[in-house]
Amino acid sequence: MTIIANNIIKEFGEPPTRVIQGIDLTINDGEFVSISGRSGSGKSTLLYLLSTLDNPSHGNITIDGKDPQEMSVEELHLFRNHHLGFVFQFHFLLAELTTLENVLLPARRDGQHYEKEEYARELLKTFDISDKTDKLPAQMSGGEQQRVAIARAIIMKPKYLFADEPTGSLDSKNGEIVMDILRRANSEWGTTLVLVTHEPEFSQMAQREVYLVDGKVRENHSIA
């Protein structure tokens, strides 16, 4: 199945300023798509629309044939928790929870934290932070915290993973580690990955690049 955006427009303010201007876009199951462009081009806004975190002002988006705008608040919450994962520039870990507790948060919301604990520990081992299992966020580096955030995003084995500048606050070494983890989620686990980045070398890792200029798609091409 796919994510399909039909002539989506996003406006803010009064009088309205149009940030996304009539975009049509399809993201296929299992794809790795990067969204790039200069600052202010609408990259993050488009990601928020595609990922159900915001609604378009006009047009519609369907995910696997379902329109998020037609769901109740509870239905949308369950849909996100079961099918969508989110990684942002800042990790947004809860300061009072350990690494393992942070990773298991989505599972706890669904009453599956006991069932998912073994998988959470496997992820921490895979991401080379198993020695941080009982550490608080303040006791870890920024790169380690971001790896914890990714583990949290995929603990429910989501079909779709949305990443908004996930390397933006990291040095080059940790940025590469994070990108390697995201690529593995796509290539090894079949997770559809949608990445917003301003870094050309990371954008070029995708199978397809969507380049925005002033809220419009300037380029939408496969990367050899």
Protein backbone atom coordinates (compact mmCIF):
# COMPACT_ATOMS: atom_id res chain seq x y z
CA MET A 1 0.00 0.00 0.00
CA THR A 2 1.02 3.61 -0.23
CA ILE A 3 0.83 7.16 1.02
CA ILE A 4 -1.00 9.32 -1.51
CA ALA A 5 -1.20 13.12 -1.33
CA ASN A 6 -3.73 14.73 -3.66
CA ASN A 7 -3.28 18.44 -4.40
CA ILE A 8 -2.46 19.28 -0.80
CA ILE A 9 -2.24 22.90 0.28
CA LYS A 10 -1.20 24.20 3.69
CA GLU A 11 -1.85 27.75 4.81
CA PHE A 12 -0.99 29.54 8.04
CA GLY A 13 -2.13 32.84 9.52
CA GLU A 14 -4.65 35.49 8.57
CA PRO A 15 -4.54 36.55 5.83
CA PRO A 16 -3.38 33.04 4.96
CA THR A 17 0.18 32.44 3.82
CA ARG A 18 0.45 29.40 1.57
CA VAL A 19 3.41 27.23 2.62
CA ILE A 20 2.57 24.08 0.64
CA GLN A 21 1.20 24.80 -2.81
CA GLY A 22 -0.80 22.05 -4.45
CA ILE A 23 1.52 19.04 -4.07
CA ASP A 24 0.70 15.63 -5.53
CA LEU A 25 2.92 12.87 -4.21
CA THR A 26 2.88 9.09 -3.89
CA ILE A 27 5.19 7.13 -1.59
CA ASN A 28 5.22 3.41 -2.25
CA ASP A 29 5.40 0.61 0.27
CA GLY A 30 9.01 -0.03 1.35
CA GLU A 31 10.48 3.08 -0.29
CA PHE A 32 13.14 5.34 1.18
CA VAL A 33 12.23 8.87 0.12
CA SER A 34 14.12 12.01 1.09
CA ILE A 35 12.52 15.46 1.14
CA SER A 36 15.06 18.21 0.62
CA GLY A 37 15.25 21.90 -0.18
CA ARG A 38 16.46 25.16 1.25
CA SER A 39 15.37 26.47 4.64
CA GLY A 40 11.77 27.67 4.41
CA SER A 41 10.95 25.53 1.37
CA GLY A 42 8.26 23.60 3.26
CA LYS A 43 10.13 20.33 3.95
CA SER A 44 9.08 19.81 7.56
CA THR A 45 5.56 21.08 6.90
CA LEU A 46 5.14 18.49 4.15
CA LEU A 47 6.47 15.73 6.43
CA TYR A 48 4.02 16.72 9.18
CA LEU A 49 1.16 16.52 6.69
CA LEU A 50 2.24 13.14 5.28
CA SER A 51 2.67 11.72 8.78
CA THR A 52 -0.77 12.82 10.14
CA LEU A 53 0.79 15.23 12.65
CA ASP A 54 -0.98 18.09 10.83
CA ASN A 55 -3.88 18.38 8.41
CA PRO A 56 -3.81 20.05 4.99
CA SER A 57 -5.85 23.21 4.50
CA HIS A 58 -7.06 21.79 1.17
CA GLY A 59 -6.65 18.46 -0.58
CA ASN A 60 -6.36 15.11 1.11
CA ILE A 61 -3.86 12.45 2.13
CA THR A 62 -4.54 8.74 2.43
CA ILE A 63 -2.35 6.12 4.10
CA ASP A 64 -3.12 2.57 3.03
CA GLY A 65 -6.43 3.85 1.71
CA LYS A 66 -7.42 5.54 4.96
CA ASP A 67 -7.95 9.28 5.37
CA PRO A 68 -6.64 10.42 8.79
CA GLN A 69 -9.01 13.40 8.74
CA GLU A 70 -11.95 11.00 8.80
CA MET A 71 -10.71 9.22 11.93
CA SER A 72 -11.79 10.04 15.46
CA VAL A 73 -9.13 11.26 17.89
CA GLU A 74 -8.94 7.80 19.45
CA GLU A 75 -8.77 6.03 16.08
CA LEU A 76 -5.98 8.35 14.92
CA HIS A 77 -4.04 7.82 18.15
CA LEU A 78 -4.21 4.05 17.74
CA PHE A 79 -3.34 4.27 14.04
CA ARG A 80 -0.21 6.32 14.79
CA ASN A 81 0.87 4.08 17.63
CA HIS A 82 0.52 0.90 15.58
CA HIS A 83 1.65 1.98 12.12
CA LEU A 84 3.73 5.18 12.29
CA GLY A 85 7.08 5.99 13.88
CA PHE A 86 8.54 9.45 14.37
CA VAL A 87 12.11 10.70 14.80
CA PHE A 88 12.84 14.40 15.19
CA GLN A 89 15.94 16.61 15.34
CA PHE A 90 15.71 16.58 19.13
CA HIS A 91 15.14 13.27 20.84
CA PHE A 92 12.31 14.33 23.25
CA LEU A 93 13.15 11.57 25.72
CA LEU A 94 11.51 11.80 29.12
CA ALA A 95 14.22 12.90 31.54
CA GLU A 96 12.94 10.85 34.48
CA LEU A 97 12.78 7.54 32.57
CA THR A 98 15.61 5.13 31.84
CA THR A 99 16.64 4.20 28.31
CA LEU A 100 14.58 1.00 28.41
CA GLU A 101 11.54 2.80 29.82
CA ASN A 102 11.75 5.48 27.13
CA VAL A 103 11.97 2.88 24.36
CA LEU A 104 8.96 1.03 25.72
CA LEU A 105 6.71 4.11 25.98
CA PRO A 106 4.67 3.39 22.82
CA ALA A 107 4.24 -0.23 23.92
CA ARG A 108 3.12 0.88 27.38
CA ARG A 109 0.39 3.05 25.83
CA ASP A 110 -0.87 -0.09 24.13
CA GLY A 111 -0.49 -2.38 27.15
CA GLN A 112 2.30 -4.35 25.44
CA HIS A 113 5.36 -3.21 27.40
CA TYR A 114 5.99 -6.62 28.96
CA GLU A 115 5.66 -8.40 25.63
CA LYS A 116 7.95 -5.89 23.91
CA GLU A 117 10.71 -5.77 26.52
CA GLU A 118 12.83 -8.49 24.93
CA TYR A 119 12.57 -6.78 21.53
CA ALA A 120 13.51 -3.45 23.13
CA ARG A 121 16.64 -5.01 24.59
CA GLU A 122 17.47 -6.50 21.18
CA LEU A 123 17.17 -3.05 19.58
CA LEU A 124 19.47 -1.50 22.17
CA LYS A 125 22.01 -4.23 21.47
CA THR A 126 21.66 -3.74 17.72
CA PHE A 127 22.19 0.01 18.15
CA ASP A 128 25.24 -0.61 20.38
CA ILE A 129 23.76 1.04 23.46
CA SER A 130 22.82 -2.01 25.53
CA ASP A 131 25.18 -0.74 28.24
CA LYS A 132 22.89 2.31 28.58
CA THR A 133 19.74 0.29 29.36
CA ASP A 134 19.33 1.69 32.88
CA LYS A 135 20.80 5.14 32.24
CA LEU A 136 18.80 8.37 32.25
CA PRO A 137 18.97 10.65 29.19
CA ALA A 138 21.23 13.13 31.01
CA GLN A 139 23.79 10.35 31.46
CA MET A 140 24.16 9.79 27.70
CA SER A 141 25.64 11.65 24.74
CA GLY A 142 23.45 13.32 22.13
CA GLY A 143 24.14 10.56 19.63
CA GLU A 144 23.20 7.87 22.14
CA GLN A 145 20.00 9.69 23.03
CA GLN A 146 19.05 9.91 19.37
CA ARG A 147 19.59 6.16 18.99
CA VAL A 148 17.26 5.64 21.93
CA ALA A 149 14.69 7.86 20.19
CA ILE A 150 14.92 5.73 17.04
CA ALA A 151 14.49 2.53 19.06
CA ARG A 152 11.39 4.09 20.62
CA ALA A 153 10.09 5.01 17.17
CA ILE A 154 10.34 1.44 15.87
CA ILE A 155 9.48 -0.58 18.99
CA MET A 156 5.98 -1.21 17.61
CA LYS A 157 7.46 -2.26 14.24
CA PRO A 158 5.70 0.54 12.34
CA LYS A 159 5.14 0.27 8.63
CA TYR A 160 6.10 3.93 8.16
CA LEU A 161 8.94 5.86 9.74
CA PHE A 162 9.10 9.65 9.44
CA ALA A 163 12.36 11.41 10.31
CA ASP A 164 12.61 15.21 10.47
CA GLU A 165 16.26 16.35 10.42
CA PRO A 166 17.27 13.44 12.69
CA THR A 167 20.98 14.31 12.38
CA GLY A 168 20.59 18.07 12.69
CA SER A 169 21.88 18.31 16.27
CA LEU A 170 24.62 15.68 15.91
CA ASP A 171 28.28 15.73 14.88
CA SER A 172 29.23 14.01 11.63
CA LYS A 173 30.19 10.68 13.23
CA ASN A 174 26.95 10.32 15.18
CA GLY A 175 25.00 11.58 12.18
CA GLU A 176 26.38 8.74 10.10
CA ILE A 177 25.53 6.21 12.84
CA VAL A 178 21.94 7.46 12.96
CA MET A 179 21.61 7.36 9.18
CA ASP A 180 22.97 3.81 9.11
CA ILE A 181 20.29 2.75 11.60
CA LEU A 182 17.55 4.39 9.56
CA ARG A 183 18.80 2.76 6.36
CA ARG A 184 18.79 -0.62 8.08
CA ALA A 185 15.20 -0.09 9.17
CA ASN A 186 14.33 0.42 5.52
CA SER A 187 16.50 -2.21 3.84
CA GLU A 188 16.43 -5.01 6.41
CA TRP A 189 13.03 -4.57 8.02
CA GLY A 190 11.11 -3.19 5.04
CA THR A 191 10.02 -0.02 6.83
CA THR A 192 8.91 2.78 4.53
CA LEU A 193 11.22 5.70 5.38
CA VAL A 194 10.48 9.37 4.72
CA LEU A 195 13.41 11.60 5.63
CA VAL A 196 13.63 15.39 5.76
CA THR A 197 17.21 16.60 5.60
CA HIS A 198 19.18 19.64 4.49
CA GLU A 199 22.35 17.56 4.13
CA PRO A 200 22.91 16.48 0.49
CA GLU A 201 25.00 13.42 1.38
CA PHE A 202 22.15 12.02 3.47
CA SER A 203 19.50 12.95 0.95
CA GLN A 204 21.42 11.04 -1.70
CA MET A 205 21.18 7.85 0.37
CA ALA A 206 17.48 7.60 -0.47
CA GLN A 207 15.98 5.73 -3.40
CA ARG A 208 14.12 8.86 -4.42
CA GLU A 209 14.54 12.56 -3.71
CA VAL A 210 11.71 15.08 -3.59
CA TYR A 211 13.17 18.58 -3.86
CA LEU A 212 10.99 21.49 -2.76
CA VAL A 213 11.20 25.14 -3.76
CA ASP A 214 8.75 27.59 -2.17
CA GLY A 215 6.28 24.87 -1.22
CA LYS A 216 6.25 23.23 -4.63
CA VAL A 217 7.91 20.05 -5.91
CA ARG A 218 10.73 21.20 -8.19
CA GLU A 219 12.19 17.72 -8.65
CA ASN A 220 10.95 14.20 -7.90
CA HIS A 221 13.52 11.74 -9.16
CA SER A 222 15.03 8.35 -8.46
CA ILE A 223 18.62 8.23 -7.25
CA ALA A 224 20.84 5.75 -9.06
